[in-house]
């Protein structure tokens, strides 16, 4: 499984949505992406990539695209 597939899978499984909804998805765009859903997504990503995401990055993780930028940071090293 590629990193993109793992990343997409975390979103689709956490929020129970299809991949076609991911491209422009932002925090609170869908009912499932509330504060509880946000932490579930973070946990799924941490498990998928075997990383621990810093609190500041959890707060900044505001969209599907922003998440890619955050995970590409040197401390995580996840290229998507």
N, C-alpha and C. Protein backbone atom coordinates (compact mmCIF):
# COMPACT_ATOMS: atom_id res chain seq x y z
N UNK A 1 0.85 -1.18 0.00
CA UNK A 1 0.00 0.00 0.00
C UNK A 1 0.90 1.25 0.00
N UNK A 2 0.62 2.19 -0.90
CA UNK A 2 1.41 3.42 -0.97
C UNK A 2 1.03 4.36 0.18
N UNK A 3 1.85 5.38 0.39
CA UNK A 3 1.54 6.36 1.42
C UNK A 3 0.24 7.10 1.11
N UNK A 4 -0.01 7.38 -0.16
CA UNK A 4 -1.25 8.04 -0.54
C UNK A 4 -2.45 7.15 -0.21
N UNK A 5 -2.33 5.87 -0.49
CA UNK A 5 -3.43 4.95 -0.18
C UNK A 5 -3.66 4.87 1.33
N UNK A 6 -2.59 4.83 2.11
CA UNK A 6 -2.73 4.82 3.57
C UNK A 6 -3.40 6.10 4.06
N UNK A 7 -2.96 7.23 3.51
CA UNK A 7 -3.51 8.53 3.89
C UNK A 7 -5.00 8.61 3.56
N UNK A 8 -5.34 8.27 2.33
CA UNK A 8 -6.74 8.29 1.91
C UNK A 8 -7.58 7.32 2.74
N UNK A 9 -7.02 6.17 3.02
CA UNK A 9 -7.72 5.16 3.80
C UNK A 9 -8.06 5.67 5.20
N UNK A 10 -7.15 6.41 5.81
CA UNK A 10 -7.41 6.97 7.14
C UNK A 10 -8.64 7.89 7.09
N UNK A 11 -8.73 8.70 6.05
CA UNK A 11 -9.88 9.60 5.90
C UNK A 11 -11.17 8.83 5.61
N UNK A 12 -11.11 7.93 4.63
CA UNK A 12 -12.34 7.24 4.21
C UNK A 12 -12.89 6.35 5.32
N UNK A 13 -12.01 5.69 6.07
CA UNK A 13 -12.49 4.83 7.15
C UNK A 13 -12.95 5.62 8.35
N UNK A 14 -12.22 6.67 8.71
CA UNK A 14 -12.59 7.48 9.88
C UNK A 14 -13.92 8.19 9.66
N UNK A 15 -14.07 8.78 8.48
CA UNK A 15 -15.27 9.59 8.22
C UNK A 15 -16.34 8.87 7.43
N UNK A 16 -16.07 7.63 7.04
CA UNK A 16 -17.03 6.82 6.27
C UNK A 16 -17.51 7.58 5.03
N UNK A 17 -16.52 8.03 4.24
CA UNK A 17 -16.81 8.72 2.99
C UNK A 17 -16.03 8.05 1.86
N UNK A 18 -16.35 8.42 0.63
CA UNK A 18 -15.65 7.87 -0.52
C UNK A 18 -14.48 8.78 -0.92
N UNK A 19 -13.52 8.22 -1.62
CA UNK A 19 -12.32 8.97 -2.00
C UNK A 19 -12.62 10.20 -2.85
N UNK A 20 -13.70 10.19 -3.61
CA UNK A 20 -14.01 11.34 -4.46
C UNK A 20 -14.36 12.59 -3.66
N UNK A 21 -14.61 12.44 -2.37
CA UNK A 21 -14.96 13.57 -1.51
C UNK A 21 -13.71 14.20 -0.86
N UNK A 22 -12.53 13.62 -1.05
CA UNK A 22 -11.34 14.04 -0.32
C UNK A 22 -10.68 15.32 -0.83
N UNK A 23 -10.66 15.54 -2.12
CA UNK A 23 -9.84 16.59 -2.73
C UNK A 23 -9.91 17.95 -2.03
N UNK A 24 -11.07 18.46 -1.76
CA UNK A 24 -11.21 19.79 -1.16
C UNK A 24 -11.76 19.74 0.26
N UNK A 25 -11.64 18.59 0.89
CA UNK A 25 -12.23 18.41 2.22
C UNK A 25 -11.51 19.24 3.27
N UNK A 26 -12.31 19.95 4.08
CA UNK A 26 -11.77 20.77 5.16
C UNK A 26 -12.46 20.40 6.48
N UNK A 27 -11.77 20.73 7.56
CA UNK A 27 -12.31 20.50 8.91
C UNK A 27 -13.71 21.09 9.01
N UNK A 28 -14.63 20.31 9.49
CA UNK A 28 -16.03 20.63 9.72
C UNK A 28 -16.85 20.81 8.43
N UNK A 29 -16.28 20.42 7.28
CA UNK A 29 -17.06 20.42 6.03
C UNK A 29 -18.14 19.34 6.08
N UNK A 30 -17.82 18.26 6.78
CA UNK A 30 -18.78 17.17 6.93
C UNK A 30 -19.02 16.96 8.42
N UNK A 31 -20.18 16.43 8.75
CA UNK A 31 -20.56 16.25 10.15
C UNK A 31 -19.56 15.38 10.91
N UNK A 32 -19.02 14.37 10.26
CA UNK A 32 -18.11 13.44 10.93
C UNK A 32 -16.78 14.08 11.32
N UNK A 33 -16.38 15.17 10.62
CA UNK A 33 -15.10 15.81 10.94
C UNK A 33 -15.31 16.93 11.94
N UNK A 34 -15.72 16.53 13.14
CA UNK A 34 -15.82 17.45 14.26
C UNK A 34 -14.59 17.23 15.13
N UNK A 35 -14.59 17.74 16.36
CA UNK A 35 -13.40 17.61 17.20
C UNK A 35 -13.09 16.16 17.55
N UNK A 36 -14.11 15.37 17.77
CA UNK A 36 -13.90 13.94 18.08
C UNK A 36 -13.41 13.21 16.84
N UNK A 37 -14.02 13.47 15.70
CA UNK A 37 -13.60 12.87 14.44
C UNK A 37 -12.17 13.27 14.09
N UNK A 38 -11.82 14.51 14.43
CA UNK A 38 -10.46 15.00 14.16
C UNK A 38 -9.43 14.16 14.91
N UNK A 39 -9.69 13.89 16.18
CA UNK A 39 -8.75 13.10 16.97
C UNK A 39 -8.72 11.64 16.50
N UNK A 40 -9.85 11.14 16.03
CA UNK A 40 -9.87 9.78 15.47
C UNK A 40 -9.02 9.71 14.20
N UNK A 41 -9.12 10.76 13.38
CA UNK A 41 -8.31 10.83 12.16
C UNK A 41 -6.82 10.87 12.51
N UNK A 42 -6.46 11.71 13.46
CA UNK A 42 -5.06 11.82 13.88
C UNK A 42 -4.54 10.47 14.37
N UNK A 43 -5.34 9.79 15.18
CA UNK A 43 -4.94 8.46 15.68
C UNK A 43 -4.75 7.48 14.53
N UNK A 44 -5.65 7.52 13.55
CA UNK A 44 -5.55 6.61 12.40
C UNK A 44 -4.28 6.90 11.60
N UNK A 45 -3.95 8.17 11.44
CA UNK A 45 -2.74 8.54 10.69
C UNK A 45 -1.49 8.15 11.46
N UNK A 46 -1.50 8.36 12.77
CA UNK A 46 -0.36 7.97 13.59
C UNK A 46 -0.12 6.46 13.51
N UNK A 47 -1.19 5.70 13.54
CA UNK A 47 -1.07 4.24 13.42
C UNK A 47 -0.58 3.83 12.03
N UNK A 48 -1.14 4.46 11.01
CA UNK A 48 -0.81 4.08 9.63
C UNK A 48 0.66 4.35 9.31
N UNK A 49 1.20 5.44 9.84
CA UNK A 49 2.57 5.83 9.50
C UNK A 49 3.56 5.64 10.65
N UNK A 50 3.10 5.11 11.76
CA UNK A 50 3.94 4.85 12.93
C UNK A 50 4.70 6.12 13.36
N UNK A 51 3.91 7.18 13.57
CA UNK A 51 4.46 8.47 13.99
C UNK A 51 3.63 9.02 15.15
N UNK A 52 4.15 10.05 15.80
CA UNK A 52 3.40 10.81 16.80
C UNK A 52 3.34 12.25 16.29
N UNK A 53 2.15 12.76 16.08
CA UNK A 53 1.98 14.10 15.54
C UNK A 53 1.94 15.10 16.70
N UNK A 54 2.75 16.16 16.58
CA UNK A 54 2.81 17.20 17.61
C UNK A 54 1.48 17.92 17.75
N UNK A 55 1.24 18.44 18.95
CA UNK A 55 0.00 19.15 19.24
C UNK A 55 -0.24 20.31 18.29
N UNK A 56 0.79 21.12 18.02
CA UNK A 56 0.63 22.26 17.10
C UNK A 56 0.22 21.80 15.71
N UNK A 57 0.76 20.68 15.26
CA UNK A 57 0.40 20.16 13.95
C UNK A 57 -1.01 19.58 13.95
N UNK A 58 -1.43 19.01 15.06
CA UNK A 58 -2.81 18.51 15.17
C UNK A 58 -3.78 19.68 15.01
N UNK A 59 -3.46 20.79 15.64
CA UNK A 59 -4.31 21.99 15.56
C UNK A 59 -4.30 22.56 14.14
N UNK A 60 -3.13 22.57 13.50
CA UNK A 60 -3.00 23.12 12.15
C UNK A 60 -3.58 22.22 11.06
N UNK A 61 -3.85 20.97 11.38
CA UNK A 61 -4.35 19.99 10.41
C UNK A 61 -5.81 20.32 10.09
N UNK A 62 -5.99 21.27 9.15
CA UNK A 62 -7.32 21.82 8.91
C UNK A 62 -7.98 21.35 7.62
N UNK A 63 -7.25 20.58 6.82
CA UNK A 63 -7.82 20.10 5.57
C UNK A 63 -7.05 18.88 5.08
N UNK A 64 -7.62 18.23 4.09
CA UNK A 64 -6.97 17.08 3.45
C UNK A 64 -5.61 17.49 2.90
N UNK A 65 -5.56 18.63 2.20
CA UNK A 65 -4.31 19.10 1.59
C UNK A 65 -3.31 19.54 2.65
N UNK A 66 -3.76 20.26 3.68
CA UNK A 66 -2.86 20.72 4.74
C UNK A 66 -2.23 19.52 5.45
N UNK A 67 -2.97 18.46 5.60
CA UNK A 67 -2.44 17.26 6.23
C UNK A 67 -1.26 16.68 5.47
N UNK A 68 -1.32 16.73 4.15
CA UNK A 68 -0.20 16.25 3.33
C UNK A 68 1.05 17.07 3.61
N UNK A 69 0.88 18.40 3.71
CA UNK A 69 2.00 19.29 4.01
C UNK A 69 2.60 18.98 5.38
N UNK A 70 1.75 18.79 6.35
CA UNK A 70 2.21 18.51 7.72
C UNK A 70 3.00 17.20 7.76
N UNK A 71 2.46 16.16 7.15
CA UNK A 71 3.14 14.86 7.19
C UNK A 71 4.45 14.86 6.42
N UNK A 72 4.61 15.78 5.47
CA UNK A 72 5.84 15.87 4.69
C UNK A 72 6.97 16.58 5.45
N UNK A 73 6.64 17.17 6.61
CA UNK A 73 7.67 17.83 7.42
C UNK A 73 8.78 16.84 7.77
N UNK A 74 9.96 17.40 7.99
CA UNK A 74 11.13 16.57 8.26
C UNK A 74 10.94 15.63 9.44
N UNK A 75 10.28 16.09 10.50
CA UNK A 75 10.13 15.24 11.69
C UNK A 75 9.23 14.03 11.45
N UNK A 76 8.38 14.07 10.42
CA UNK A 76 7.51 12.92 10.11
C UNK A 76 8.05 12.15 8.91
N UNK A 77 8.51 12.85 7.92
CA UNK A 77 9.10 12.23 6.75
C UNK A 77 8.18 11.35 5.92
N UNK A 78 6.91 11.73 5.87
CA UNK A 78 5.93 10.94 5.11
C UNK A 78 5.63 11.69 3.81
N UNK A 79 6.16 11.18 2.72
CA UNK A 79 5.90 11.79 1.40
C UNK A 79 4.65 11.16 0.80
N UNK A 80 3.70 12.02 0.46
CA UNK A 80 2.44 11.51 -0.09
C UNK A 80 2.29 12.01 -1.52
